[in-house]
N, C-alpha and C. Protein backbone atom coordinates (compact mmCIF):
# COMPACT_ATOMS: atom_id res chain seq x y z
N MET A 1 5.33 9.01 3.11
CA MET A 1 6.20 8.69 4.22
C MET A 1 7.29 9.74 4.27
N THR A 2 7.74 10.07 5.48
CA THR A 2 8.81 11.04 5.67
C THR A 2 9.85 10.45 6.62
N SER A 3 11.12 10.50 6.22
CA SER A 3 12.20 9.98 7.05
C SER A 3 12.53 10.96 8.17
N ASN A 4 13.35 10.51 9.10
CA ASN A 4 13.80 11.39 10.18
C ASN A 4 14.61 12.56 9.65
N GLN A 5 15.20 12.40 8.45
CA GLN A 5 15.99 13.47 7.84
C GLN A 5 15.12 14.40 6.99
N GLY A 6 13.82 14.12 6.88
CA GLY A 6 12.91 14.99 6.15
C GLY A 6 12.66 14.60 4.70
N ALA A 7 13.31 13.53 4.22
CA ALA A 7 13.08 13.07 2.85
C ALA A 7 11.69 12.42 2.76
N THR A 8 11.01 12.65 1.65
CA THR A 8 9.68 12.08 1.49
C THR A 8 9.65 11.06 0.37
N LEU A 9 8.77 10.09 0.50
CA LEU A 9 8.55 9.07 -0.50
C LEU A 9 7.06 8.78 -0.53
N GLU A 10 6.49 8.78 -1.72
CA GLU A 10 5.06 8.49 -1.87
C GLU A 10 4.92 7.18 -2.62
N VAL A 11 4.02 6.33 -2.12
CA VAL A 11 3.73 5.05 -2.77
C VAL A 11 2.23 5.02 -3.05
N GLY A 12 1.88 4.94 -4.32
CA GLY A 12 0.47 4.83 -4.71
C GLY A 12 0.04 3.37 -4.69
N LEU A 13 -1.08 3.09 -4.09
CA LEU A 13 -1.57 1.72 -4.00
C LEU A 13 -2.35 1.34 -5.25
N PRO A 14 -2.23 0.09 -5.68
CA PRO A 14 -2.96 -0.33 -6.88
C PRO A 14 -4.46 -0.26 -6.66
N PHE A 15 -5.18 0.17 -7.68
CA PHE A 15 -6.64 0.25 -7.67
C PHE A 15 -7.19 1.17 -6.58
N ALA A 16 -6.38 2.11 -6.11
CA ALA A 16 -6.81 3.02 -5.04
C ALA A 16 -8.02 3.85 -5.44
N ASP A 17 -8.18 4.11 -6.73
CA ASP A 17 -9.30 4.93 -7.19
C ASP A 17 -10.64 4.24 -7.01
N ARG A 18 -10.64 2.94 -6.82
CA ARG A 18 -11.92 2.23 -6.63
C ARG A 18 -11.97 1.38 -5.36
N ALA A 19 -10.92 1.44 -4.56
CA ALA A 19 -10.87 0.64 -3.34
C ALA A 19 -11.84 1.20 -2.29
N SER A 20 -12.29 0.31 -1.41
CA SER A 20 -13.16 0.72 -0.32
C SER A 20 -12.35 1.50 0.71
N ASP A 21 -13.06 2.13 1.64
CA ASP A 21 -12.38 2.73 2.78
C ASP A 21 -11.69 1.61 3.55
N GLY A 22 -10.62 1.94 4.24
CA GLY A 22 -9.86 0.92 4.97
C GLY A 22 -10.66 0.32 6.12
N THR A 23 -10.46 -0.97 6.32
CA THR A 23 -11.05 -1.70 7.43
C THR A 23 -9.92 -2.13 8.35
N VAL A 24 -10.02 -1.81 9.64
CA VAL A 24 -8.98 -2.19 10.59
C VAL A 24 -8.96 -3.71 10.73
N ILE A 25 -7.77 -4.30 10.48
CA ILE A 25 -7.65 -5.75 10.63
C ILE A 25 -6.62 -6.13 11.70
N ALA A 26 -5.84 -5.16 12.17
CA ALA A 26 -4.87 -5.35 13.24
C ALA A 26 -4.52 -3.97 13.79
N GLU A 27 -3.75 -3.95 14.86
CA GLU A 27 -3.43 -2.68 15.51
C GLU A 27 -2.82 -1.66 14.56
N SER A 28 -1.97 -2.08 13.66
CA SER A 28 -1.29 -1.13 12.77
C SER A 28 -1.54 -1.43 11.29
N ALA A 29 -2.70 -2.06 10.99
CA ALA A 29 -2.96 -2.44 9.59
C ALA A 29 -4.40 -2.18 9.20
N LEU A 30 -4.56 -1.64 8.00
CA LEU A 30 -5.86 -1.45 7.38
C LEU A 30 -5.89 -2.28 6.11
N ALA A 31 -7.03 -2.85 5.78
CA ALA A 31 -7.20 -3.57 4.51
C ALA A 31 -8.11 -2.75 3.63
N TYR A 32 -7.71 -2.59 2.36
CA TYR A 32 -8.51 -1.87 1.38
C TYR A 32 -8.98 -2.88 0.34
N ASP A 33 -10.29 -3.14 0.29
CA ASP A 33 -10.86 -4.06 -0.70
C ASP A 33 -10.85 -3.36 -2.04
N ASN A 34 -10.14 -3.92 -3.00
CA ASN A 34 -10.03 -3.31 -4.33
C ASN A 34 -11.23 -3.56 -5.21
N GLY A 35 -12.18 -4.37 -4.75
CA GLY A 35 -13.39 -4.62 -5.52
C GLY A 35 -13.17 -5.47 -6.75
N ASN A 36 -12.06 -6.22 -6.77
CA ASN A 36 -11.75 -7.03 -7.95
C ASN A 36 -11.14 -8.38 -7.59
N GLY A 37 -11.41 -8.86 -6.39
CA GLY A 37 -10.84 -10.13 -5.95
C GLY A 37 -9.49 -9.98 -5.28
N SER A 38 -9.12 -8.75 -4.94
CA SER A 38 -7.87 -8.51 -4.23
C SER A 38 -8.05 -7.41 -3.19
N SER A 39 -7.16 -7.39 -2.22
CA SER A 39 -7.12 -6.34 -1.21
C SER A 39 -5.68 -5.88 -1.06
N THR A 40 -5.51 -4.63 -0.64
CA THR A 40 -4.18 -4.08 -0.37
C THR A 40 -4.11 -3.78 1.12
N VAL A 41 -3.01 -4.21 1.76
CA VAL A 41 -2.87 -4.07 3.20
C VAL A 41 -1.52 -3.41 3.53
N PRO A 42 -1.49 -2.08 3.71
CA PRO A 42 -0.27 -1.43 4.19
C PRO A 42 -0.19 -1.57 5.71
N THR A 43 0.99 -1.90 6.22
CA THR A 43 1.17 -2.13 7.65
C THR A 43 2.37 -1.33 8.15
N ALA A 44 2.14 -0.50 9.16
CA ALA A 44 3.24 0.25 9.79
C ALA A 44 3.97 -0.68 10.75
N LYS A 45 5.30 -0.74 10.63
CA LYS A 45 6.12 -1.59 11.48
C LYS A 45 6.73 -0.78 12.62
N SER A 46 7.09 -1.45 13.71
CA SER A 46 7.62 -0.76 14.89
C SER A 46 8.95 -0.06 14.63
N ASP A 47 9.70 -0.48 13.58
CA ASP A 47 10.97 0.17 13.27
C ASP A 47 10.80 1.39 12.37
N GLY A 48 9.54 1.75 12.05
CA GLY A 48 9.26 2.92 11.22
C GLY A 48 9.09 2.60 9.75
N SER A 49 9.32 1.36 9.37
CA SER A 49 9.14 0.97 7.98
C SER A 49 7.67 0.65 7.71
N VAL A 50 7.35 0.48 6.43
CA VAL A 50 5.99 0.14 6.03
C VAL A 50 6.05 -1.08 5.12
N GLN A 51 5.21 -2.05 5.39
CA GLN A 51 5.07 -3.23 4.53
C GLN A 51 3.75 -3.11 3.79
N ILE A 52 3.76 -3.32 2.47
CA ILE A 52 2.54 -3.28 1.69
C ILE A 52 2.33 -4.67 1.09
N THR A 53 1.21 -5.28 1.44
CA THR A 53 0.90 -6.64 0.99
C THR A 53 -0.34 -6.61 0.11
N THR A 54 -0.30 -7.34 -1.00
CA THR A 54 -1.48 -7.54 -1.82
C THR A 54 -2.01 -8.94 -1.55
N VAL A 55 -3.27 -9.03 -1.17
CA VAL A 55 -3.89 -10.32 -0.89
C VAL A 55 -4.77 -10.67 -2.08
N ILE A 56 -4.44 -11.76 -2.75
CA ILE A 56 -5.22 -12.23 -3.90
C ILE A 56 -6.22 -13.23 -3.37
N GLU A 57 -7.50 -12.87 -3.48
CA GLU A 57 -8.56 -13.63 -2.82
C GLU A 57 -9.15 -14.74 -3.68
N ASN A 58 -9.07 -14.60 -5.00
CA ASN A 58 -9.63 -15.63 -5.86
C ASN A 58 -9.04 -15.55 -7.26
N ALA A 59 -9.38 -16.51 -8.10
CA ALA A 59 -8.80 -16.60 -9.44
C ALA A 59 -9.25 -15.48 -10.37
N ASP A 60 -10.28 -14.73 -10.00
CA ASP A 60 -10.75 -13.63 -10.82
C ASP A 60 -9.96 -12.34 -10.59
N ALA A 61 -9.06 -12.35 -9.63
CA ALA A 61 -8.25 -11.17 -9.31
C ALA A 61 -7.31 -10.85 -10.47
N PRO A 62 -6.91 -9.57 -10.59
CA PRO A 62 -5.95 -9.20 -11.63
C PRO A 62 -4.64 -9.99 -11.50
N THR A 63 -3.89 -10.03 -12.57
CA THR A 63 -2.61 -10.74 -12.56
C THR A 63 -1.43 -9.78 -12.46
N ALA A 64 -1.69 -8.47 -12.43
CA ALA A 64 -0.63 -7.47 -12.29
C ALA A 64 -1.10 -6.35 -11.35
N TYR A 65 -0.16 -5.81 -10.57
CA TYR A 65 -0.46 -4.77 -9.59
C TYR A 65 0.63 -3.71 -9.68
N GLU A 66 0.25 -2.44 -9.97
CA GLU A 66 1.22 -1.36 -10.11
C GLU A 66 1.22 -0.49 -8.86
N TYR A 67 2.42 -0.23 -8.36
CA TYR A 67 2.62 0.68 -7.24
C TYR A 67 3.42 1.86 -7.77
N SER A 68 2.80 3.03 -7.85
CA SER A 68 3.55 4.20 -8.32
C SER A 68 4.44 4.69 -7.17
N ILE A 69 5.65 5.10 -7.52
CA ILE A 69 6.63 5.56 -6.55
C ILE A 69 7.02 7.00 -6.91
N GLY A 70 7.03 7.88 -5.94
CA GLY A 70 7.43 9.26 -6.17
C GLY A 70 8.11 9.82 -4.95
N GLY A 71 8.89 10.83 -5.16
CA GLY A 71 9.57 11.47 -4.05
C GLY A 71 10.39 12.63 -4.54
N ALA A 72 11.18 13.17 -3.65
CA ALA A 72 12.03 14.30 -3.99
C ALA A 72 13.08 13.86 -5.01
N ASP A 73 13.62 14.82 -5.75
CA ASP A 73 14.69 14.51 -6.70
C ASP A 73 15.80 13.77 -5.99
N GLY A 74 16.27 12.71 -6.60
CA GLY A 74 17.36 11.93 -6.03
C GLY A 74 16.88 10.82 -5.12
N ALA A 75 15.57 10.74 -4.84
CA ALA A 75 15.05 9.66 -3.99
C ALA A 75 15.15 8.35 -4.72
N ALA A 76 15.47 7.29 -4.00
CA ALA A 76 15.60 5.97 -4.61
C ALA A 76 15.17 4.91 -3.61
N LEU A 77 14.74 3.80 -4.14
CA LEU A 77 14.41 2.67 -3.28
C LEU A 77 15.59 1.74 -3.20
C-alpha cells in the first residue's frame, strides 16, 4: 500500500505461500482459500483504507494467524 504522501506499507497475509488464487466475492474483495479451514479476505474501502479479515471455516483451522508488517524506516501502525 502507498499513501498519498508516498509512504509504503507491506502486509503479508497468513499462509500466502499455499493459498489459492483469489476468488472475487464482492466488488472490492477477493477471498484466498488458505487450504487449512480458513480464508483471508483483504477488502479495499472507499476511503482508501484496507480491511483484512480472516474467516475461520471450521474447527480444524489454525488457532494463530501471523501478518508480517514492513515498510520504510520510521513506518508505524
